PDB file of N, CA and C in Angstrom:
ATOM      1  N   MET A   1      12.146  16.896   9.750  1.00  0.00           N
ATOM      2  CA  MET A   1      11.145  16.462   8.870  1.00  0.00           C
ATOM      3  C   MET A   1      10.195  15.391   9.646  1.00  0.00           C
ATOM      4  N   ARG A   2       8.968  15.364   9.639  1.00  0.00           N
ATOM      5  CA  ARG A   2       8.041  14.413  10.094  1.00  0.00           C
ATOM      6  C   ARG A   2       8.228  12.928   9.602  1.00  0.00           C
ATOM      7  N   GLU A   3       7.973  11.947  10.648  1.00  0.00           N
ATOM      8  CA  GLU A   3       8.052  10.602  10.129  1.00  0.00           C
ATOM      9  C   GLU A   3       7.132  10.223   9.045  1.00  0.00           C
ATOM     10  N   SER A   4       5.985  10.705   8.977  1.00  0.00           N
ATOM     11  CA  SER A   4       5.066  10.421   7.714  1.00  0.00           C
ATOM     12  C   SER A   4       5.649  10.950   6.370  1.00  0.00           C
ATOM     13  N   THR A   5       6.382  11.998   6.478  1.00  0.00           N
ATOM     14  CA  THR A   5       6.963  12.803   5.267  1.00  0.00           C
ATOM     15  C   THR A   5       8.099  11.597   4.819  1.00  0.00           C
ATOM     16  N   ASP A   6       8.802  11.282   5.729  1.00  0.00           N
ATOM     17  CA  ASP A   6       9.843  10.362   5.437  1.00  0.00           C
ATOM     18  C   ASP A   6       9.351   9.060   4.807  1.00  0.00           C
ATOM     19  N   ARG A   7       8.280   8.558   5.301  1.00  0.00           N
ATOM     20  CA  ARG A   7       7.706   7.284   4.894  1.00  0.00           C
ATOM     21  C   ARG A   7       7.097   7.445   3.481  1.00  0.00           C
ATOM     22  N   LEU A   8       6.542   8.670   3.185  1.00  0.00           N
ATOM     23  CA  LEU A   8       5.950   8.982   1.894  1.00  0.00           C
ATOM     24  C   LEU A   8       7.137   9.027   0.878  1.00  0.00           C
ATOM     25  N   ILE A   9       8.074   9.735   1.247  1.00  0.00           N
ATOM     26  CA  ILE A   9       9.362   9.818   0.094  1.00  0.00           C
ATOM     27  C   ILE A   9      10.015   8.368   0.058  1.00  0.00           C
ATOM     28  N   LEU A  10      10.041   7.616   0.923  1.00  0.00           N
ATOM     29  CA  LEU A  10      10.668   6.262   0.866  1.00  0.00           C
ATOM     30  C   LEU A  10       9.836   5.320   0.047  1.00  0.00           C
ATOM     31  N   PHE A  11       8.528   5.498   0.194  1.00  0.00           N
ATOM     32  CA  PHE A  11       7.451   4.694  -0.590  1.00  0.00           C
ATOM     33  C   PHE A  11       7.490   5.154  -2.132  1.00  0.00           C
ATOM     34  N   VAL A  12       7.520   6.444  -2.389  1.00  0.00           N
ATOM     35  CA  VAL A  12       7.446   6.832  -3.732  1.00  0.00           C
ATOM     36  C   VAL A  12       8.835   6.443  -4.307  1.00  0.00           C
ATOM     37  N   ASP A  13      10.046   6.607  -3.646  1.00  0.00           N
ATOM     38  CA  ASP A  13      11.255   6.233  -4.261  1.00  0.00           C
ATOM     39  C   ASP A  13      11.278   4.672  -4.557  1.00  0.00           C
ATOM     40  N   ALA A  14      10.731   3.866  -3.493  1.00  0.00           N
ATOM     41  CA  ALA A  14      10.767   2.450  -3.743  1.00  0.00           C
ATOM     42  C   ALA A  14       9.809   2.036  -4.897  1.00  0.00           C
ATOM     43  N   PHE A  15       8.791   2.914  -5.173  1.00  0.00           N
ATOM     44  CA  PHE A  15       7.758   2.513  -6.213  1.00  0.00           C
ATOM     45  C   PHE A  15       8.442   2.725  -7.450  1.00  0.00           C
ATOM     46  N   ILE A  16       9.175   3.967  -7.527  1.00  0.00           N
ATOM     47  CA  ILE A  16       9.862   4.377  -8.786  1.00  0.00           C
ATOM     48  C   ILE A  16      10.915   3.209  -9.148  1.00  0.00           C
ATOM     49  N   MET A  17      11.721   2.808  -8.124  1.00  0.00           N
ATOM     50  CA  MET A  17      12.625   1.894  -8.448  1.00  0.00           C
ATOM     51  C   MET A  17      12.162   0.434  -8.773  1.00  0.00           C
ATOM     52  N   ILE A  18      11.117  -0.060  -8.121  1.00  0.00           N
ATOM     53  CA  ILE A  18      10.397  -1.363  -8.348  1.00  0.00           C
ATOM     54  C   ILE A  18       9.765  -1.473  -9.600  1.00  0.00           C
ATOM     55  N   VAL A  19       9.117  -0.419  -9.851  1.00  0.00           N
ATOM     56  CA  VAL A  19       8.067  -0.427 -11.046  1.00  0.00           C
ATOM     57  C   VAL A  19       8.850   0.206 -12.356  1.00  0.00           C
ATOM     58  N   GLY A  20       9.391   1.415 -11.886  1.00  0.00           N
ATOM     59  CA  GLY A  20       9.770   2.181 -13.151  1.00  0.00           C
ATOM     60  C   GLY A  20      10.883   1.567 -13.932  1.00  0.00           C
ATOM     61  N   ILE A  21      11.967   1.097 -13.230  1.00  0.00           N
ATOM     62  CA  ILE A  21      13.160   0.495 -13.812  1.00  0.00           C
ATOM     63  C   ILE A  21      12.988  -0.581 -14.568  1.00  0.00           C
ATOM     64  N   PRO A  22      12.223  -1.544 -14.189  1.00  0.00           N
ATOM     65  CA  PRO A  22      11.948  -2.642 -15.095  1.00  0.00           C
ATOM     66  C   PRO A  22      11.035  -2.267 -16.336  1.00  0.00           C
ATOM     67  N   LEU A  23      10.160  -1.302 -16.109  1.00  0.00           N
ATOM     68  CA  LEU A  23       9.446  -0.940 -17.306  1.00  0.00           C
ATOM     69  C   LEU A  23      10.248  -0.328 -18.400  1.00  0.00           C
ATOM     70  N   VAL A  24      11.228   0.627 -17.927  1.00  0.00           N
ATOM     71  CA  VAL A  24      12.198   1.167 -18.921  1.00  0.00           C
ATOM     72  C   VAL A  24      12.976   0.167 -19.660  1.00  0.00           C
ATOM     73  N   VAL A  25      13.613  -0.730 -18.836  1.00  0.00           N
ATOM     74  CA  VAL A  25      14.308  -1.816 -19.461  1.00  0.00           C
ATOM     75  C   VAL A  25      13.520  -2.682 -20.380  1.00  0.00           C
ATOM     76  N   ALA A  26      12.279  -2.965 -20.057  1.00  0.00           N
ATOM     77  CA  ALA A  26      11.328  -3.750 -21.092  1.00  0.00           C
ATOM     78  C   ALA A  26      11.065  -2.863 -22.159  1.00  0.00           C
ATOM     79  N   ALA A  27      10.908  -1.669 -22.089  1.00  0.00           N
ATOM     80  CA  ALA A  27      10.469  -0.613 -23.166  1.00  0.00           C
ATOM     81  C   ALA A  27      11.727  -0.599 -24.273  1.00  0.00           C
ATOM     82  N   ALA A  28      12.985  -0.464 -23.487  1.00  0.00           N
ATOM     83  CA  ALA A  28      14.269  -0.349 -24.443  1.00  0.00           C
ATOM     84  C   ALA A  28      14.375  -1.787 -25.123  1.00  0.00           C
ATOM     85  N   ILE A  29      14.014  -2.901 -24.543  1.00  0.00           N
ATOM     86  CA  ILE A  29      14.016  -4.093 -25.315  1.00  0.00           C
ATOM     87  C   ILE A  29      12.962  -4.322 -26.509  1.00  0.00           C
ATOM     88  N   ALA A  30      11.813  -3.913 -25.912  1.00  0.00           N
ATOM     89  CA  ALA A  30      10.683  -3.916 -27.079  1.00  0.00           C
ATOM     90  C   ALA A  30      10.960  -2.944 -28.126  1.00  0.00           C
ATOM     91  N   LEU A  31      11.529  -1.827 -27.937  1.00  0.00           N
ATOM     92  CA  LEU A  31      11.770  -0.833 -29.167  1.00  0.00           C
ATOM     93  C   LEU A  31      12.971  -1.400 -29.731  1.00  0.00           C
ATOM     94  N   GLY A  32      13.745  -2.273 -29.356  1.00  0.00           N
ATOM     95  CA  GLY A  32      14.955  -2.790 -30.222  1.00  0.00           C
ATOM     96  C   GLY A  32      16.091  -1.915 -29.863  1.00  0.00           C
ATOM     97  N   LYS A  33      16.267  -1.249 -28.783  1.00  0.00           N
ATOM     98  CA  LYS A  33      17.213  -0.348 -28.517  1.00  0.00           C
ATOM     99  C   LYS A  33      18.336  -1.205 -27.821  1.00  0.00           C
ATOM    100  N   ILE A  34      17.982  -2.228 -27.094  1.00  0.00           N
ATOM    101  CA  ILE A  34      18.833  -3.219 -26.376  1.00  0.00           C
ATOM    102  C   ILE A  34      18.406  -4.658 -26.841  1.00  0.00           C
ATOM    103  N   PRO A  35      19.324  -5.385 -27.256  1.00  0.00           N
ATOM    104  CA  PRO A  35      19.103  -6.858 -27.515  1.00  0.00           C
ATOM    105  C   PRO A  35      18.702  -7.517 -26.296  1.00  0.00           C
ATOM    106  N   LEU A  36      17.917  -8.349 -26.456  1.00  0.00           N
ATOM    107  CA  LEU A  36      17.313  -9.208 -25.285  1.00  0.00           C
ATOM    108  C   LEU A  36      18.558  -9.982 -24.634  1.00  0.00           C
ATOM    109  N   ASP A  37      19.543 -10.563 -25.329  1.00  0.00           N
ATOM    110  CA  ASP A  37      20.668 -11.477 -24.879  1.00  0.00           C
ATOM    111  C   ASP A  37      21.473 -10.549 -24.106  1.00  0.00           C
ATOM    112  N   ARG A  38      21.575  -9.292 -24.514  1.00  0.00           N
ATOM    113  CA  ARG A  38      22.552  -8.362 -23.842  1.00  0.00           C
ATOM    114  C   ARG A  38      21.796  -7.810 -22.486  1.00  0.00           C
ATOM    115  N   ALA A  39      20.668  -7.762 -22.633  1.00  0.00           N
ATOM    116  CA  ALA A  39      19.908  -7.275 -21.404  1.00  0.00           C
ATOM    117  C   ALA A  39      19.918  -8.444 -20.240  1.00  0.00           C
ATOM    118  N   LEU A  40      19.889  -9.603 -20.811  1.00  0.00           N
ATOM    119  CA  LEU A  40      19.887 -10.834 -19.739  1.00  0.00           C
ATOM    120  C   LEU A  40      21.182 -11.017 -19.286  1.00  0.00           C
ATOM    121  N   ASN A  41      22.243 -10.769 -20.074  1.00  0.00           N
ATOM    122  CA  ASN A  41      23.563 -11.106 -19.713  1.00  0.00           C
ATOM    123  C   ASN A  41      24.380 -10.124 -19.027  1.00  0.00           C
ATOM    124  N   THR A  42      23.795  -8.880 -18.732  1.00  0.00           N
ATOM    125  CA  THR A  42      24.657  -7.844 -18.426  1.00  0.00           C
ATOM    126  C   THR A  42      24.093  -7.520 -16.950  1.00  0.00           C
ATOM    127  N   ASN A  43      25.105  -6.900 -16.227  1.00  0.00           N
ATOM    128  CA  ASN A  43      24.734  -6.481 -14.913  1.00  0.00           C
ATOM    129  C   ASN A  43      23.803  -5.456 -14.839  1.00  0.00           C
ATOM    130  N   PRO A  44      22.668  -5.466 -13.970  1.00  0.00           N
ATOM    131  CA  PRO A  44      21.674  -4.535 -13.873  1.00  0.00           C
ATOM    132  C   PRO A  44      22.106  -3.060 -13.645  1.00  0.00           C
ATOM    133  N   ILE A  45      23.332  -2.893 -12.882  1.00  0.00           N
ATOM    134  CA  ILE A  45      23.677  -1.757 -12.558  1.00  0.00           C
ATOM    135  C   ILE A  45      24.323  -1.005 -13.818  1.00  0.00           C
ATOM    136  N   VAL A  46      24.667  -1.841 -15.039  1.00  0.00           N
ATOM    137  CA  VAL A  46      25.228  -1.339 -16.139  1.00  0.00           C
ATOM    138  C   VAL A  46      23.921  -1.099 -17.190  1.00  0.00           C
ATOM    139  N   ILE A  47      23.134  -2.001 -17.245  1.00  0.00           N
ATOM    140  CA  ILE A  47      22.159  -2.086 -18.203  1.00  0.00           C
ATOM    141  C   ILE A  47      21.249  -0.995 -17.753  1.00  0.00           C
ATOM    142  N   ILE A  48      20.718  -0.611 -16.664  1.00  0.00           N
ATOM    143  CA  ILE A  48      19.541   0.217 -16.266  1.00  0.00           C
ATOM    144  C   ILE A  48      19.899   1.726 -16.702  1.00  0.00           C
ATOM    145  N   PRO A  49      21.047   2.189 -16.578  1.00  0.00           N
ATOM    146  CA  PRO A  49      21.280   3.593 -17.168  1.00  0.00           C
ATOM    147  C   PRO A  49      21.311   3.634 -18.620  1.00  0.00           C
ATOM    148  N   TYR A  50      22.003   2.436 -19.095  1.00  0.00           N
ATOM    149  CA  TYR A  50      22.136   2.355 -20.733  1.00  0.00           C
ATOM    150  C   TYR A  50      20.566   2.244 -21.306  1.00  0.00           C
ATOM    151  N   ALA A  51      19.877   1.460 -20.654  1.00  0.00           N
ATOM    152  CA  ALA A  51      18.350   1.621 -21.227  1.00  0.00           C
ATOM    153  C   ALA A  51      17.730   3.021 -21.146  1.00  0.00           C
ATOM    154  N   PHE A  52      17.860   3.624 -20.122  1.00  0.00           N
ATOM    155  CA  PHE A  52      17.330   5.146 -20.128  1.00  0.00           C
ATOM    156  C   PHE A  52      17.949   6.075 -21.116  1.00  0.00           C
ATOM    157  N   VAL A  53      19.132   5.871 -21.354  1.00  0.00           N
ATOM    158  CA  VAL A  53      19.785   6.817 -22.165  1.00  0.00           C
ATOM    159  C   VAL A  53      19.492   6.495 -23.780  1.00  0.00           C
ATOM    160  N   LYS A  54      19.495   4.939 -23.959  1.00  0.00           N
ATOM    161  CA  LYS A  54      19.002   4.575 -25.357  1.00  0.00           C
ATOM    162  C   LYS A  54      17.649   4.966 -25.730  1.00  0.00           C
ATOM    163  N   ILE A  55      16.737   5.067 -24.792  1.00  0.00           N
ATOM    164  CA  ILE A  55      15.487   5.520 -25.229  1.00  0.00           C
ATOM    165  C   ILE A  55      15.233   7.037 -25.229  1.00  0.00           C
ATOM    166  N   GLY A  56      16.265   7.735 -24.678  1.00  0.00           N
ATOM    167  CA  GLY A  56      16.236   9.151 -24.709  1.00  0.00           C
ATOM    168  C   GLY A  56      15.708   9.756 -23.404  1.00  0.00           C
ATOM    169  N   TRP A  57      15.819   9.039 -22.456  1.00  0.00           N
ATOM    170  CA  TRP A  57      15.277   9.524 -21.078  1.00  0.00           C
ATOM    171  C   TRP A  57      16.457   9.554 -20.071  1.00  0.00           C
ATOM    172  N   GLY A  58      17.416  10.462 -20.610  1.00  0.00           N
ATOM    173  CA  GLY A  58      18.568  10.585 -19.598  1.00  0.00           C
ATOM    174  C   GLY A  58      18.206  11.461 -18.433  1.00  0.00           C
ATOM    175  N   ALA A  59      17.367  12.446 -18.520  1.00  0.00           N
ATOM    176  CA  ALA A  59      16.724  13.225 -17.460  1.00  0.00           C
ATOM    177  C   ALA A  59      15.999  12.522 -16.455  1.00  0.00           C
ATOM    178  N   ILE A  60      15.264  11.485 -16.965  1.00  0.00           N
ATOM    179  CA  ILE A  60      14.433  10.604 -16.200  1.00  0.00           C
ATOM    180  C   ILE A  60      15.415   9.692 -15.286  1.00  0.00           C
ATOM    181  N   TRP A  61      16.583   9.419 -16.003  1.00  0.00           N
ATOM    182  CA  TRP A  61      17.540   8.542 -15.289  1.00  0.00           C
ATOM    183  C   TRP A  61      18.069   9.271 -14.154  1.00  0.00           C
ATOM    184  N   ALA A  62      18.282  10.618 -14.327  1.00  0.00           N
ATOM    185  CA  ALA A  62      18.742  11.424 -13.334  1.00  0.00           C
ATOM    186  C   ALA A  62      17.871  11.187 -11.961  1.00  0.00           C
ATOM    187  N   ILE A  63      16.611  11.455 -12.271  1.00  0.00           N
ATOM    188  CA  ILE A  63      15.482  11.341 -11.166  1.00  0.00           C
ATOM    189  C   ILE A  63      15.477  10.000 -10.534  1.00  0.00           C
ATOM    190  N   VAL A  64      15.699   9.114 -11.422  1.00  0.00           N
ATOM    191  CA  VAL A  64      15.606   7.584 -10.741  1.00  0.00           C
ATOM    192  C   VAL A  64      16.937   7.423  -9.802  1.00  0.00           C
ATOM    193  N   ALA A  65      18.079   7.829 -10.413  1.00  0.00           N
ATOM    194  CA  ALA A  65      19.348   7.792  -9.656  1.00  0.00           C
ATOM    195  C   ALA A  65      19.352   8.559  -8.408  1.00  0.00           C
ATOM    196  N   LEU A  66      18.735   9.679  -8.375  1.00  0.00           N
ATOM    197  CA  LEU A  66      18.529  10.471  -7.249  1.00  0.00           C
ATOM    198  C   LEU A  66      17.637   9.849  -6.255  1.00  0.00           C
ATOM    199  N   ASP A  67      16.534   9.210  -6.644  1.00  0.00           N
ATOM    200  CA  ASP A  67      15.665   8.374  -5.927  1.00  0.00           C
ATOM    201  C   ASP A  67      16.398   7.502  -5.315  1.00  0.00           C
ATOM    202  N   TRP A  68      17.291   6.575  -6.047  1.00  0.00           N
ATOM    203  CA  TRP A  68      18.104   5.641  -5.356  1.00  0.00           C
ATOM    204  C   TRP A  68      18.936   5.994  -4.334  1.00  0.00           C
ATOM    205  N   VAL A  69      19.713   7.066  -4.475  1.00  0.00           N
ATOM    206  CA  VAL A  69      20.364   7.730  -3.456  1.00  0.00           C
ATOM    207  C   VAL A  69      19.574   8.104  -2.374  1.00  0.00           C
ATOM    208  N   MET A  70      18.548   8.875  -2.618  1.00  0.00           N
ATOM    209  CA  MET A  70      17.660   9.301  -1.457  1.00  0.00           C
ATOM    210  C   MET A  70      17.156   8.154  -0.618  1.00  0.00           C
ATOM    211  N   HIS A  71      16.736   7.057  -1.286  1.00  0.00           N
ATOM    212  CA  HIS A  71      16.222   5.897  -0.633  1.00  0.00           C
ATOM    213  C   HIS A  71      17.234   5.266   0.390  1.00  0.00           C
ATOM    214  N   GLY A  72      18.381   5.165  -0.133  1.00  0.00           N
ATOM    215  CA  GLY A  72      19.418   4.729   0.753  1.00  0.00           C
ATOM    216  C   GLY A  72      19.811   5.734   1.732  1.00  0.00           C
ATOM    217  N   ALA A  73      20.053   6.836   1.581  1.00  0.00           N
ATOM    218  CA  ALA A  73      20.414   7.843   2.490  1.00  0.00           C
ATOM    219  C   ALA A  73      19.431   7.964   3.754  1.00  0.00           C
ATOM    220  N   LEU A  74      18.129   7.865   3.337  1.00  0.00           N
ATOM    221  CA  LEU A  74      17.064   8.158   4.467  1.00  0.00           C
ATOM    222  C   LEU A  74      17.019   6.734   5.084  1.00  0.00           C
ATOM    223  N   GLY A  75      17.400   5.548   4.658  1.00  0.00           N
ATOM    224  CA  GLY A  75      17.455   4.247   5.348  1.00  0.00           C
ATOM    225  C   GLY A  75      18.668   4.367   6.308  1.00  0.00           C
ATOM    226  N   ILE A  76      19.879   4.914   5.840  1.00  0.00           N
ATOM    227  CA  ILE A  76      20.897   5.101   6.787  1.00  0.00           C
ATOM    228  C   ILE A  76      20.589   6.168   7.825  1.00  0.00           C
ATOM    229  N   ARG A  77      19.891   7.203   7.571  1.00  0.00           N
ATOM    230  CA  ARG A  77      19.480   8.236   8.637  1.00  0.00           C
ATOM    231  C   ARG A  77      18.701   7.355   9.585  1.00  0.00           C
ATOM    232  N   ARG A  78      17.703   6.613   9.341  1.00  0.00           N
ATOM    233  CA  ARG A  78      16.918   5.970  10.360  1.00  0.00           C
ATOM    234  C   ARG A  78      17.750   5.069  11.125  1.00  0.00           C
ATOM    235  N   ILE A  79      18.805   4.325  10.712  1.00  0.00           N
ATOM    236  CA  ILE A  79      19.771   3.523  11.496  1.00  0.00           C
ATOM    237  C   ILE A  79      20.484   4.241  12.313  1.00  0.00           C
ATOM    238  N   LEU A  80      20.857   5.382  11.922  1.00  0.00           N
ATOM    239  CA  LEU A  80      21.913   6.339  12.813  1.00  0.00           C
ATOM    240  C   LEU A  80      21.032   6.932  13.795  1.00  0.00           C
ATOM    241  N   MET A  81      19.780   7.313  13.587  1.00  0.00           N
ATOM    242  CA  MET A  81      18.951   7.776  14.572  1.00  0.00           C
ATOM    243  C   MET A  81      18.863   6.989  15.837  1.00  0.00           C
ATOM    244  N   GLU A  82      18.874   5.626  15.683  1.00  0.00           N
ATOM    245  CA  GLU A  82      18.977   4.621  16.742  1.00  0.00           C
ATOM    246  C   GLU A  82      20.100   4.873  17.787  1.00  0.00           C
ATOM    247  N   PHE A  83      21.224   5.336  17.288  1.00  0.00           N
ATOM    248  CA  PHE A  83      22.393   5.595  18.144  1.00  0.00           C
ATOM    249  C   PHE A  83      22.405   7.025  18.752  1.00  0.00           C
ATOM    250  N   VAL A  84      21.660   7.974  18.354  1.00  0.00           N
ATOM    251  CA  VAL A  84      21.682   9.259  18.692  1.00  0.00           C
ATOM    252  C   VAL A  84      20.544   9.552  19.638  1.00  0.00           C
ATOM    253  N   ARG A  85      20.709   9.879  20.982  1.00  0.00           N
ATOM    254  CA  ARG A  85      19.842   9.968  21.938  1.00  0.00           C
ATOM    255  C   ARG A  85      19.190  11.532  22.067  1.00  0.00           C
ATOM    256  N   THR A  86      19.995  12.449  22.044  1.00  0.00           N
ATOM    257  CA  THR A  86      19.476  13.888  22.244  1.00  0.00           C
ATOM    258  C   THR A  86      18.954  14.471  21.011  1.00  0.00           C
ATOM    259  N   LYS A  87      17.735  15.336  21.419  1.00  0.00           N
ATOM    260  CA  LYS A  87      17.089  15.894  20.447  1.00  0.00           C
ATOM    261  C   LYS A  87      18.031  16.986  19.528  1.00  0.00           C
ATOM    262  N   GLN A  88      18.862  17.464  20.022  1.00  0.00           N
ATOM    263  CA  GLN A  88      19.840  18.372  19.384  1.00  0.00           C
ATOM    264  C   GLN A  88      20.757  17.537  18.388  1.00  0.00           C
ATOM    265  N   ALA A  89      21.217  16.530  18.871  1.00  0.00           N
ATOM    266  CA  ALA A  89      22.168  15.613  17.961  1.00  0.00           C
ATOM    267  C   ALA A  89      21.239  15.034  16.785  1.00  0.00           C
ATOM    268  N   GLN A  90      19.989  14.620  17.186  1.00  0.00           N
ATOM    269  CA  GLN A  90      19.150  14.142  16.006  1.00  0.00           C
ATOM    270  C   GLN A  90      18.971  15.371  15.066  1.00  0.00           C
ATOM    271  N   ARG A  91      18.741  16.445  15.457  1.00  0.00           N
ATOM    272  CA  ARG A  91      18.472  17.527  14.582  1.00  0.00           C
ATOM    273  C   ARG A  91      19.669  17.804  13.654  1.00  0.00           C
ATOM    274  N   LEU A  92      20.859  17.751  14.397  1.00  0.00           N
ATOM    275  CA  LEU A  92      22.036  18.014  13.708  1.00  0.00           C
ATOM    276  C   LEU A  92      22.360  16.891  12.696  1.00  0.00           C
ATOM    277  N   LEU A  93      21.960  15.646  12.942  1.00  0.00           N
ATOM    278  CA  LEU A  93      22.132  14.544  11.929  1.00  0.00           C
ATOM    279  C   LEU A  93      21.134  14.621  10.882  1.00  0.00           C
ATOM    280  N   GLU A  94      20.050  15.073  11.004  1.00  0.00           N
ATOM    281  CA  GLU A  94      18.961  15.244  10.028  1.00  0.00           C
ATOM    282  C   GLU A  94      19.496  16.446   9.089  1.00  0.00           C
ATOM    283  N   ILE A  95      19.908  17.548   9.604  1.00  0.00           N
ATOM    284  CA  ILE A  95      20.506  18.537   8.860  1.00  0.00           C
ATOM    285  C   ILE A  95      21.709  18.151   8.014  1.00  0.00           C
ATOM    286  N   LEU A  96      22.595  17.307   8.453  1.00  0.00           N
ATOM    287  CA  LEU A  96      23.797  16.689   7.851  1.00  0.00           C
ATOM    288  C   LEU A  96      23.296  15.875   6.600  1.00  0.00           C
ATOM    289  N   ILE A  97      22.365  14.982   6.898  1.00  0.00           N
ATOM    290  CA  ILE A  97      21.856  13.994   5.913  1.00  0.00           C
ATOM    291  C   ILE A  97      21.176  14.822   4.683  1.00  0.00           C
ATOM    292  N   TRP A  98      20.377  15.677   5.073  1.00  0.00           N
ATOM    293  CA  TRP A  98      19.597  16.452   3.980  1.00  0.00           C
ATOM    294  C   TRP A  98      20.463  17.403   3.269  1.00  0.00           C
ATOM    295  N   THR A  99      21.673  17.947   3.955  1.00  0.00           N
ATOM    296  CA  THR A  99      22.599  18.756   3.060  1.00  0.00           C
ATOM    297  C   THR A  99      23.388  17.785   2.158  1.00  0.00           C
ATOM    298  N   ILE A 100      23.715  16.609   2.655  1.00  0.00           N
ATOM    299  CA  ILE A 100      24.384  15.586   1.859  1.00  0.00           C
ATOM    300  C   ILE A 100      23.437  15.285   0.567  1.00  0.00           C
ATOM    301  N   LEU A 101      22.255  15.085   0.859  1.00  0.00           N
ATOM    302  CA  LEU A 101      21.359  14.739  -0.252  1.00  0.00           C
ATOM    303  C   LEU A 101      21.034  15.854  -1.214  1.00  0.00           C
ATOM    304  N   ILE A 102      21.067  16.981  -0.682  1.00  0.00           N
ATOM    305  CA  ILE A 102      20.944  18.289  -1.665  1.00  0.00           C
ATOM    306  C   ILE A 102      21.883  18.309  -2.608  1.00  0.00           C
ATOM    307  N   ILE A 103      23.007  18.327  -1.980  1.00  0.00           N
ATOM    308  CA  ILE A 103      24.490  18.417  -2.699  1.00  0.00           C
ATOM    309  C   ILE A 103      24.489  17.203  -3.724  1.00  0.00           C
ATOM    310  N   THR A 104      24.183  16.026  -3.213  1.00  0.00           N
ATOM    311  CA  THR A 104      24.309  14.942  -4.382  1.00  0.00           C
ATOM    312  C   THR A 104      23.177  14.986  -5.282  1.00  0.00           C
ATOM    313  N   GLY A 105      22.095  15.533  -5.047  1.00  0.00           N
ATOM    314  CA  GLY A 105      21.054  15.658  -6.031  1.00  0.00           C
ATOM    315  C   GLY A 105      21.353  16.765  -7.109  1.00  0.00           C
ATOM    316  N   ILE A 106      22.056  17.748  -6.724  1.00  0.00           N
ATOM    317  CA  ILE A 106      22.402  18.843  -7.744  1.00  0.00           C
ATOM    318  C   ILE A 106      23.555  18.104  -8.552  1.00  0.00           C
ATOM    319  N   ILE A 107      24.538  17.523  -8.062  1.00  0.00           N
ATOM    320  CA  ILE A 107      25.639  17.029  -8.656  1.00  0.00           C
ATOM    321  C   ILE A 107      24.982  15.813  -9.598  1.00  0.00           C
ATOM    322  N   THR A 108      24.143  15.024  -9.065  1.00  0.00           N
ATOM    323  CA  THR A 108      23.635  13.905  -9.956  1.00  0.00           C
ATOM    324  C   THR A 108      22.841  14.565 -11.254  1.00  0.00           C
ATOM    325  N   VAL A 109      21.999  15.454 -10.982  1.00  0.00           N
ATOM    326  CA  VAL A 109      21.198  16.105 -12.157  1.00  0.00           C
ATOM    327  C   VAL A 109      22.211  16.648 -13.149  1.00  0.00           C
ATOM    328  N   TYR A 110      23.113  17.406 -12.648  1.00  0.00           N
ATOM    329  CA  TYR A 110      24.100  18.039 -13.382  1.00  0.00           C
ATOM    330  C   TYR A 110      24.948  17.013 -14.313  1.00  0.00           C
ATOM    331  N   VAL A 111      25.432  15.996 -13.667  1.00  0.00           N
ATOM    332  CA  VAL A 111      26.239  15.043 -14.393  1.00  0.00           C
ATOM    333  C   VAL A 111      25.276  14.339 -15.483  1.00  0.00           C
ATOM    334  N   LEU A 112      24.156  13.837 -15.074  1.00  0.00           N
ATOM    335  CA  LEU A 112      23.394  13.021 -16.051  1.00  0.00           C
ATOM    336  C   LEU A 112      22.652  13.864 -16.969  1.00  0.00           C
ATOM    337  N   VAL A 113      22.494  14.980 -16.852  1.00  0.00           N
ATOM    338  CA  VAL A 113      21.586  15.953 -17.739  1.00  0.00           C
ATOM    339  C   VAL A 113      22.450  16.661 -18.733  1.00  0.00           C
ATOM    340  N   PHE A 114      23.460  17.406 -18.088  1.00  0.00           N
ATOM    341  CA  PHE A 114      24.076  18.461 -18.758  1.00  0.00           C
ATOM    342  C   PHE A 114      25.503  18.154 -19.363  1.00  0.00           C
ATOM    343  N   ILE A 115      25.963  16.875 -18.985  1.00  0.00           N
ATOM    344  CA  ILE A 115      27.398  16.401 -19.524  1.00  0.00           C
ATOM    345  C   ILE A 115      27.042  15.325 -20.440  1.00  0.00           C
ATOM    346  N   PRO A 116      27.387  15.482 -21.628  1.00  0.00           N
ATOM    347  CA  PRO A 116      27.270  14.517 -22.721  1.00  0.00           C
ATOM    348  C   PRO A 116      27.978  13.234 -22.494  1.00  0.00           C
TER     349      PRO A 116
END
């Protein structure tokens, strides 16, 4: 994959996490689905998926969770590429990371959308 495509994916993922997550939590508080004191006193890792589910956006949470995983995995890939010198090994590492991302994506969407 080209470096410009990687950067675009990382930018979109970061934008969704930085802007989208706070908006959903604020919407859940504004709609009365989550009390303000509970939102302020709960770990964000717990309250974020709870907010998405409470306002009925479980499928959107699957996308955000997948973005979170993809953002981290592409960052790890960039770090690992520093240690790999040959083009063949870089290509193998890239195929391995993308295979893991695709499998993780399928599992994430299945678990967050289709399992009640």
